[in-house]
Amino acid sequence: MSILVKLRELGLELPPVAQPVGAYVPAVRFGQLIFTSGQLPLSGGSLRYVGKVGKELTEAEGYQAAGICALNGLAAAAGVAGGVDNLLRVIKVTGFINCDAGFSRQANVLNGASDLLGKLFDTDHARSAVGVAELPLNAALEVEMILAVRE
């Protein structure tokens, strides 16, 4: 089943690719790999989750933010792959969680991205979940991905 069909079954659609807030592009293709820039939890053109997980935001809100970041990453990747159905698999996900000191459940938060990607792709991926003191625009999360693309 195609990724596009799976997205529709989940009631989701790829958002427009977010405009960079710095001197970079949303995604770069190199051979059969696509590297996305860090994607923030932007939805409808605005930053949806702002603040530190474990302080201003709950773990559940961080989980939701991670899913939005993953969806934005797929949109960026699809933009350089010629469409979402040209994405073969997710290889690696890295999540940076803007969290309060002492918060240690970054892996649970990043599951929001991994769970969504698992519903769309029939493969596992490698992953790193990192807690950080600050993120651009005080975003709750930033997620980057490496994906394989069909030839």
C-alpha atoms as a PDB file:
ATOM      1  CA  MET A   1       0.000   0.000   0.000  1.00  0.00           C
ATOM      2  CA  SER A   2       1.327   3.451  -0.850  1.00  0.00           C
ATOM      3  CA  ILE A   3       2.439   5.957   1.770  1.00  0.00           C
ATOM      4  CA  LEU A   4      -0.080   8.455   0.397  1.00  0.00           C
ATOM      5  CA  VAL A   5      -2.930   5.970   0.902  1.00  0.00           C
ATOM      6  CA  LYS A   6      -1.724   5.175   4.430  1.00  0.00           C
ATOM      7  CA  LEU A   7      -1.620   8.892   5.240  1.00  0.00           C
ATOM      8  CA  ARG A   8      -5.209   9.290   4.040  1.00  0.00           C
ATOM      9  CA  GLU A   9      -6.314   6.262   6.078  1.00  0.00           C
ATOM     10  CA  LEU A  10      -4.848   7.950   9.161  1.00  0.00           C
ATOM     11  CA  GLY A  11      -6.702  11.151   8.306  1.00  0.00           C
ATOM     12  CA  LEU A  12      -3.437  12.955   7.559  1.00  0.00           C
ATOM     13  CA  GLU A  13      -1.997  14.820   4.626  1.00  0.00           C
ATOM     14  CA  LEU A  14       1.426  16.205   3.968  1.00  0.00           C
ATOM     15  CA  PRO A  15       1.632  19.858   4.926  1.00  0.00           C
ATOM     16  CA  PRO A  16       3.290  22.469   2.732  1.00  0.00           C
ATOM     17  CA  VAL A  17       7.063  22.376   3.200  1.00  0.00           C
ATOM     18  CA  ALA A  18       8.022  24.790   5.973  1.00  0.00           C
ATOM     19  CA  GLN A  19      10.093  27.757   4.902  1.00  0.00           C
ATOM     20  CA  PRO A  20      13.578  27.745   6.465  1.00  0.00           C
ATOM     21  CA  VAL A  21      14.225  30.163   9.334  1.00  0.00           C
ATOM     22  CA  GLY A  22      17.934  30.327   8.412  1.00  0.00           C
ATOM     23  CA  ALA A  23      20.416  29.777   5.604  1.00  0.00           C
ATOM     24  CA  TYR A  24      19.578  26.176   4.669  1.00  0.00           C
ATOM     25  CA  VAL A  25      17.146  24.090   2.628  1.00  0.00           C
ATOM     26  CA  PRO A  26      14.465  21.770   4.075  1.00  0.00           C
ATOM     27  CA  ALA A  27      15.983  18.621   2.537  1.00  0.00           C
ATOM     28  CA  VAL A  28      18.878  17.508   0.350  1.00  0.00           C
ATOM     29  CA  ARG A  29      19.071  14.433  -1.833  1.00  0.00           C
ATOM     30  CA  PHE A  30      22.410  12.694  -2.304  1.00  0.00           C
ATOM     31  CA  GLY A  31      22.159   9.593  -4.453  1.00  0.00           C
ATOM     32  CA  GLN A  32      19.488   7.368  -2.937  1.00  0.00           C
ATOM     33  CA  LEU A  33      19.522   9.190   0.418  1.00  0.00           C
ATOM     34  CA  ILE A  34      17.580  12.206   1.587  1.00  0.00           C
ATOM     35  CA  PHE A  35      18.702  14.201   4.598  1.00  0.00           C
ATOM     36  CA  THR A  36      16.128  16.520   6.112  1.00  0.00           C
ATOM     37  CA  SER A  37      16.964  19.629   8.046  1.00  0.00           C
ATOM     38  CA  GLY A  38      15.581  19.807  11.553  1.00  0.00           C
ATOM     39  CA  GLN A  39      11.803  20.132  11.373  1.00  0.00           C
ATOM     40  CA  LEU A  40       9.872  22.043  14.011  1.00  0.00           C
ATOM     41  CA  PRO A  41       6.268  21.320  15.088  1.00  0.00           C
ATOM     42  CA  LEU A  42       4.799  23.788  12.597  1.00  0.00           C
ATOM     43  CA  SER A  43       1.157  23.351  11.702  1.00  0.00           C
ATOM     44  CA  GLY A  44      -0.967  25.691   9.646  1.00  0.00           C
ATOM     45  CA  GLY A  45       1.961  28.071   9.279  1.00  0.00           C
ATOM     46  CA  SER A  46       2.552  28.569  12.995  1.00  0.00           C
ATOM     47  CA  LEU A  47       4.609  26.935  15.709  1.00  0.00           C
ATOM     48  CA  ARG A  48       2.157  24.703  17.533  1.00  0.00           C
ATOM     49  CA  TYR A  49       4.222  23.542  20.538  1.00  0.00           C
ATOM     50  CA  VAL A  50       6.409  26.111  22.278  1.00  0.00           C
ATOM     51  CA  GLY A  51       8.353  25.687  25.500  1.00  0.00           C
ATOM     52  CA  LYS A  52      10.089  23.019  27.488  1.00  0.00           C
ATOM     53  CA  VAL A  53       8.745  19.498  27.799  1.00  0.00           C
ATOM     54  CA  GLY A  54       8.512  18.716  31.496  1.00  0.00           C
ATOM     55  CA  LYS A  55       7.852  22.358  32.375  1.00  0.00           C
ATOM     56  CA  GLU A  56       5.438  24.252  30.098  1.00  0.00           C
ATOM     57  CA  LEU A  57       4.483  21.148  28.114  1.00  0.00           C
ATOM     58  CA  THR A  58       3.577  17.617  29.138  1.00  0.00           C
ATOM     59  CA  GLU A  59       5.219  14.488  27.827  1.00  0.00           C
ATOM     60  CA  ALA A  60       1.999  13.762  25.884  1.00  0.00           C
ATOM     61  CA  GLU A  61       2.183  17.188  24.226  1.00  0.00           C
ATOM     62  CA  GLY A  62       5.807  16.502  23.301  1.00  0.00           C
ATOM     63  CA  TYR A  63       4.712  13.202  21.761  1.00  0.00           C
ATOM     64  CA  GLN A  64       2.152  15.045  19.625  1.00  0.00           C
ATOM     65  CA  ALA A  65       4.776  17.623  18.619  1.00  0.00           C
ATOM     66  CA  ALA A  66       7.117  14.826  17.511  1.00  0.00           C
ATOM     67  CA  GLY A  67       4.452  13.441  15.173  1.00  0.00           C
ATOM     68  CA  ILE A  68       4.003  16.870  13.588  1.00  0.00           C
ATOM     69  CA  CYS A  69       7.764  17.195  13.152  1.00  0.00           C
ATOM     70  CA  ALA A  70       7.901  13.788  11.429  1.00  0.00           C
ATOM     71  CA  LEU A  71       5.065  14.753   9.085  1.00  0.00           C
ATOM     72  CA  ASN A  72       6.904  17.973   8.216  1.00  0.00           C
ATOM     73  CA  GLY A  73      10.059  15.955   7.590  1.00  0.00           C
ATOM     74  CA  LEU A  74       8.195  13.648   5.225  1.00  0.00           C
ATOM     75  CA  ALA A  75       6.876  16.680   3.341  1.00  0.00           C
ATOM     76  CA  ALA A  76      10.409  18.065   2.991  1.00  0.00           C
ATOM     77  CA  ALA A  77      11.734  14.678   1.844  1.00  0.00           C
ATOM     78  CA  ALA A  78       8.868  14.176  -0.602  1.00  0.00           C
ATOM     79  CA  GLY A  79       9.676  17.558  -2.108  1.00  0.00           C
ATOM     80  CA  VAL A  80      13.104  16.391  -3.252  1.00  0.00           C
ATOM     81  CA  ALA A  81      12.076  12.787  -3.943  1.00  0.00           C
ATOM     82  CA  GLY A  82       9.391  13.639  -6.497  1.00  0.00           C
ATOM     83  CA  GLY A  83       6.571  12.595  -4.173  1.00  0.00           C
ATOM     84  CA  VAL A  84       5.997  10.757  -0.916  1.00  0.00           C
ATOM     85  CA  ASP A  85       5.521   7.402  -2.639  1.00  0.00           C
ATOM     86  CA  ASN A  86       9.090   7.595  -3.899  1.00  0.00           C
ATOM     87  CA  LEU A  87      10.302   7.346  -0.304  1.00  0.00           C
ATOM     88  CA  LEU A  88      11.444   3.781   0.265  1.00  0.00           C
ATOM     89  CA  ARG A  89      12.165   3.774   3.993  1.00  0.00           C
ATOM     90  CA  VAL A  90      13.233   5.813   6.991  1.00  0.00           C
ATOM     91  CA  ILE A  91      16.796   4.993   7.998  1.00  0.00           C
ATOM     92  CA  LYS A  92      17.462   7.287  10.954  1.00  0.00           C
ATOM     93  CA  VAL A  93      15.485   9.724  13.100  1.00  0.00           C
ATOM     94  CA  THR A  94      17.142  12.202  15.438  1.00  0.00           C
ATOM     95  CA  GLY A  95      15.034  14.181  17.856  1.00  0.00           C
ATOM     96  CA  PHE A  96      16.115  17.159  19.899  1.00  0.00           C
ATOM     97  CA  ILE A  97      13.742  17.718  22.793  1.00  0.00           C
ATOM     98  CA  ASN A  98      13.682  21.141  24.437  1.00  0.00           C
ATOM     99  CA  CYS A  99      13.246  19.920  27.993  1.00  0.00           C
ATOM    100  CA  ASP A 100      13.455  21.005  31.572  1.00  0.00           C
ATOM    101  CA  ALA A 101      16.469  20.007  33.676  1.00  0.00           C
ATOM    102  CA  GLY A 102      15.859  16.571  35.145  1.00  0.00           C
ATOM    103  CA  PHE A 103      13.489  15.459  32.380  1.00  0.00           C
ATOM    104  CA  SER A 104      14.752  12.074  31.195  1.00  0.00           C
ATOM    105  CA  ARG A 105      11.937  10.631  29.058  1.00  0.00           C
ATOM    106  CA  GLN A 106      13.145  11.975  25.712  1.00  0.00           C
ATOM    107  CA  ALA A 107      12.734   8.525  24.150  1.00  0.00           C
ATOM    108  CA  ASN A 108       9.033   8.467  25.082  1.00  0.00           C
ATOM    109  CA  VAL A 109       8.542  11.899  23.500  1.00  0.00           C
ATOM    110  CA  LEU A 110      10.281  10.905  20.266  1.00  0.00           C
ATOM    111  CA  ASN A 111       8.014   7.865  20.034  1.00  0.00           C
ATOM    112  CA  GLY A 112       5.483  10.336  18.595  1.00  0.00           C
ATOM    113  CA  ALA A 113       7.612  10.470  15.456  1.00  0.00           C
ATOM    114  CA  SER A 114       8.581   6.789  15.432  1.00  0.00           C
ATOM    115  CA  ASP A 115       5.020   5.563  15.968  1.00  0.00           C
ATOM    116  CA  LEU A 116       3.742   7.639  13.042  1.00  0.00           C
ATOM    117  CA  LEU A 117       6.595   6.551  10.775  1.00  0.00           C
ATOM    118  CA  GLY A 118       6.007   2.933  11.789  1.00  0.00           C
ATOM    119  CA  LYS A 119       2.406   3.177  10.586  1.00  0.00           C
ATOM    120  CA  LEU A 120       3.556   4.500   7.216  1.00  0.00           C
ATOM    121  CA  PHE A 121       6.638   2.378   6.493  1.00  0.00           C
ATOM    122  CA  ASP A 122       6.988  -1.352   7.053  1.00  0.00           C
ATOM    123  CA  THR A 123      10.570  -1.070   8.298  1.00  0.00           C
ATOM    124  CA  ASP A 124      12.338  -0.123  11.499  1.00  0.00           C
ATOM    125  CA  HIS A 125      14.714   2.811  11.806  1.00  0.00           C
ATOM    126  CA  ALA A 126      17.680   3.783  13.937  1.00  0.00           C
ATOM    127  CA  ARG A 127      17.100   6.665  16.323  1.00  0.00           C
ATOM    128  CA  SER A 128      18.601   9.123  18.771  1.00  0.00           C
ATOM    129  CA  ALA A 129      16.593  11.170  21.286  1.00  0.00           C
ATOM    130  CA  VAL A 130      18.527  14.047  22.818  1.00  0.00           C
ATOM    131  CA  GLY A 131      17.484  16.515  25.488  1.00  0.00           C
ATOM    132  CA  VAL A 132      18.630  20.085  24.870  1.00  0.00           C
ATOM    133  CA  ALA A 133      18.469  23.348  26.811  1.00  0.00           C
ATOM    134  CA  GLU A 134      17.096  25.511  23.969  1.00  0.00           C
ATOM    135  CA  LEU A 135      15.818  25.237  20.400  1.00  0.00           C
ATOM    136  CA  PRO A 136      15.144  27.835  17.693  1.00  0.00           C
ATOM    137  CA  LEU A 137      11.984  29.873  18.330  1.00  0.00           C
ATOM    138  CA  ASN A 138      11.666  28.071  21.699  1.00  0.00           C
ATOM    139  CA  ALA A 139      10.168  25.103  19.830  1.00  0.00           C
ATOM    140  CA  ALA A 140       9.434  22.045  21.933  1.00  0.00           C
ATOM    141  CA  LEU A 141      11.087  19.692  19.455  1.00  0.00           C
ATOM    142  CA  GLU A 142      13.198  19.479  16.343  1.00  0.00           C
ATOM    143  CA  VAL A 143      13.353  16.265  14.330  1.00  0.00           C
ATOM    144  CA  GLU A 144      15.637  15.374  11.439  1.00  0.00           C
ATOM    145  CA  MET A 145      15.562  12.251   9.326  1.00  0.00           C
ATOM    146  CA  ILE A 146      17.593  10.273   6.833  1.00  0.00           C
ATOM    147  CA  LEU A 147      15.498   8.420   4.272  1.00  0.00           C
ATOM    148  CA  ALA A 148      16.132   6.138   1.319  1.00  0.00           C
ATOM    149  CA  VAL A 149      14.489   7.044  -1.961  1.00  0.00           C
ATOM    150  CA  ARG A 150      13.609   4.893  -4.956  1.00  0.00           C
ATOM    151  CA  GLU A 151      15.958   5.237  -7.920  1.00  0.00           C
END
